[in-house]
Amino acid sequence: MPDNIKDVVRSKYASVAKSGLSSGHTGVRAVAEAFGYTPEQLASIPAEANMGLSCGNPTAFASLKPGETVVDLGCGGGLDVFLAAKRVGPTGKAIGIDMNARDA
């Protein structure tokens, strides 16, 4: 077992990412909907972007406008990044940063 808390967190999140959990699973979709994501929003993004790890629904409360830049720290699979990108449009930027490498 890793000694460093970052390594433990990284390992746990990587194992979820590798598990294949997504909006295609009823329980994962239910978690997202409990946080206020609509079925339409979930259908508009890649299913794998939602791994059931939400701790909130920031795009529901953010007053995002076209052309703005949004940074999501700890973006996981990118659920909120995809939704923010739609709101800021082609003149804006939605940037997701996570602690795990994409191929982790």
Protein backbone atom coordinates (compact mmCIF):
# COMPACT_ATOMS: atom_id res chain seq x y z
CA MET A 1 0.00 0.00 0.00
CA PRO A 2 1.39 3.42 -0.90
CA ASP A 3 2.58 5.57 2.01
CA ASN A 4 1.73 8.92 0.47
CA ILE A 5 -1.92 10.07 0.66
CA LYS A 6 -1.69 11.44 -2.90
CA ASP A 7 -0.64 8.00 -4.10
CA VAL A 8 -3.56 6.38 -2.28
CA VAL A 9 -6.06 8.85 -3.77
CA ARG A 10 -4.50 8.55 -7.22
CA SER A 11 -4.68 4.75 -7.03
CA LYS A 12 -8.33 4.68 -5.94
CA TYR A 13 -9.47 7.12 -8.61
CA ALA A 14 -7.44 5.31 -11.28
CA SER A 15 -9.12 2.04 -10.33
CA VAL A 16 -12.55 3.64 -10.77
CA ALA A 17 -11.50 5.05 -14.15
CA LYS A 18 -10.33 1.60 -15.27
CA SER A 19 -13.52 -0.06 -13.98
CA GLY A 20 -15.64 1.07 -16.91
CA LEU A 21 -18.26 2.79 -14.75
CA SER A 22 -20.22 5.34 -16.77
CA SER A 23 -23.62 6.92 -17.33
CA GLY A 24 -24.48 3.61 -18.97
CA HIS A 25 -24.83 2.14 -15.47
CA THR A 26 -28.09 2.86 -13.67
CA GLY A 27 -26.44 3.59 -10.31
CA VAL A 28 -23.88 5.99 -11.79
CA ARG A 29 -26.57 7.83 -13.72
CA ALA A 30 -28.71 8.01 -10.55
CA VAL A 31 -25.85 9.63 -8.60
CA ALA A 32 -25.44 12.29 -11.28
CA GLU A 33 -29.17 12.95 -11.42
CA ALA A 34 -29.25 13.25 -7.61
CA PHE A 35 -26.71 16.09 -8.00
CA GLY A 36 -29.04 17.80 -10.47
CA TYR A 37 -27.62 16.74 -13.82
CA THR A 38 -30.49 16.25 -16.24
CA PRO A 39 -30.92 13.17 -18.41
CA GLU A 40 -30.47 15.48 -21.42
CA GLN A 41 -27.13 16.77 -20.12
CA LEU A 42 -25.90 13.25 -19.45
CA ALA A 43 -26.97 12.13 -22.92
CA SER A 44 -25.07 15.06 -24.49
CA ILE A 45 -21.63 14.01 -23.21
CA PRO A 46 -19.59 10.82 -23.56
CA ALA A 47 -20.98 8.29 -21.07
CA GLU A 48 -17.44 7.62 -19.77
CA ALA A 49 -17.12 11.25 -18.63
CA ASN A 50 -19.43 10.38 -15.72
CA MET A 51 -17.96 7.78 -13.38
CA GLY A 52 -20.30 8.49 -10.48
CA LEU A 53 -17.71 10.50 -8.55
CA SER A 54 -19.52 13.83 -8.50
CA CYS A 55 -19.24 16.02 -5.45
CA GLY A 56 -21.43 18.76 -6.86
CA ASN A 57 -22.86 20.28 -10.00
CA PRO A 58 -20.95 23.53 -10.54
CA THR A 59 -22.27 24.19 -14.03
CA ALA A 60 -25.79 24.45 -12.60
CA PHE A 61 -24.76 27.47 -10.52
CA ALA A 62 -22.01 29.08 -12.58
CA SER A 63 -23.00 32.05 -14.70
CA LEU A 64 -20.91 30.91 -17.64
CA LYS A 65 -21.01 33.08 -20.73
CA PRO A 66 -19.80 32.56 -24.30
CA GLY A 67 -16.12 33.38 -24.68
CA GLU A 68 -15.15 32.74 -21.06
CA THR A 69 -12.40 30.40 -19.90
CA VAL A 70 -13.28 27.73 -17.34
CA VAL A 71 -10.79 25.56 -15.43
CA ASP A 72 -12.01 22.46 -13.63
CA LEU A 73 -9.44 21.27 -11.08
CA GLY A 74 -9.94 17.60 -10.31
CA CYS A 75 -12.07 17.09 -13.40
CA GLY A 76 -11.99 13.29 -13.36
CA GLY A 77 -13.61 12.05 -16.56
CA GLY A 78 -14.57 15.58 -17.56
CA LEU A 79 -18.34 15.63 -17.03
CA ASP A 80 -18.36 19.30 -16.01
CA VAL A 81 -15.73 20.23 -18.60
CA PHE A 82 -17.94 18.93 -21.41
CA LEU A 83 -20.97 20.77 -20.05
CA ALA A 84 -18.99 23.99 -19.50
CA ALA A 85 -17.60 23.80 -23.04
CA LYS A 86 -21.13 23.91 -24.42
CA ARG A 87 -21.88 27.03 -22.35
CA VAL A 88 -18.70 28.97 -23.23
CA GLY A 89 -19.00 28.00 -26.88
CA PRO A 90 -16.41 28.02 -29.64
CA THR A 91 -14.91 31.34 -28.55
CA GLY A 92 -14.36 30.15 -24.99
CA LYS A 93 -12.19 27.49 -23.41
CA ALA A 94 -13.00 24.67 -21.00
CA ILE A 95 -9.90 23.15 -19.41
CA GLY A 96 -9.90 20.04 -17.25
CA ILE A 97 -6.98 19.25 -14.94
CA ASP A 98 -6.74 16.04 -12.97
CA MET A 99 -4.01 14.33 -10.96
CA ASN A 100 -4.10 11.07 -12.92
CA ALA A 101 -2.55 10.65 -16.31
CA ARG A 102 -5.03 9.91 -19.05
CA ASP A 103 -3.63 6.42 -19.49
CA ALA A 104 -3.47 5.69 -15.74
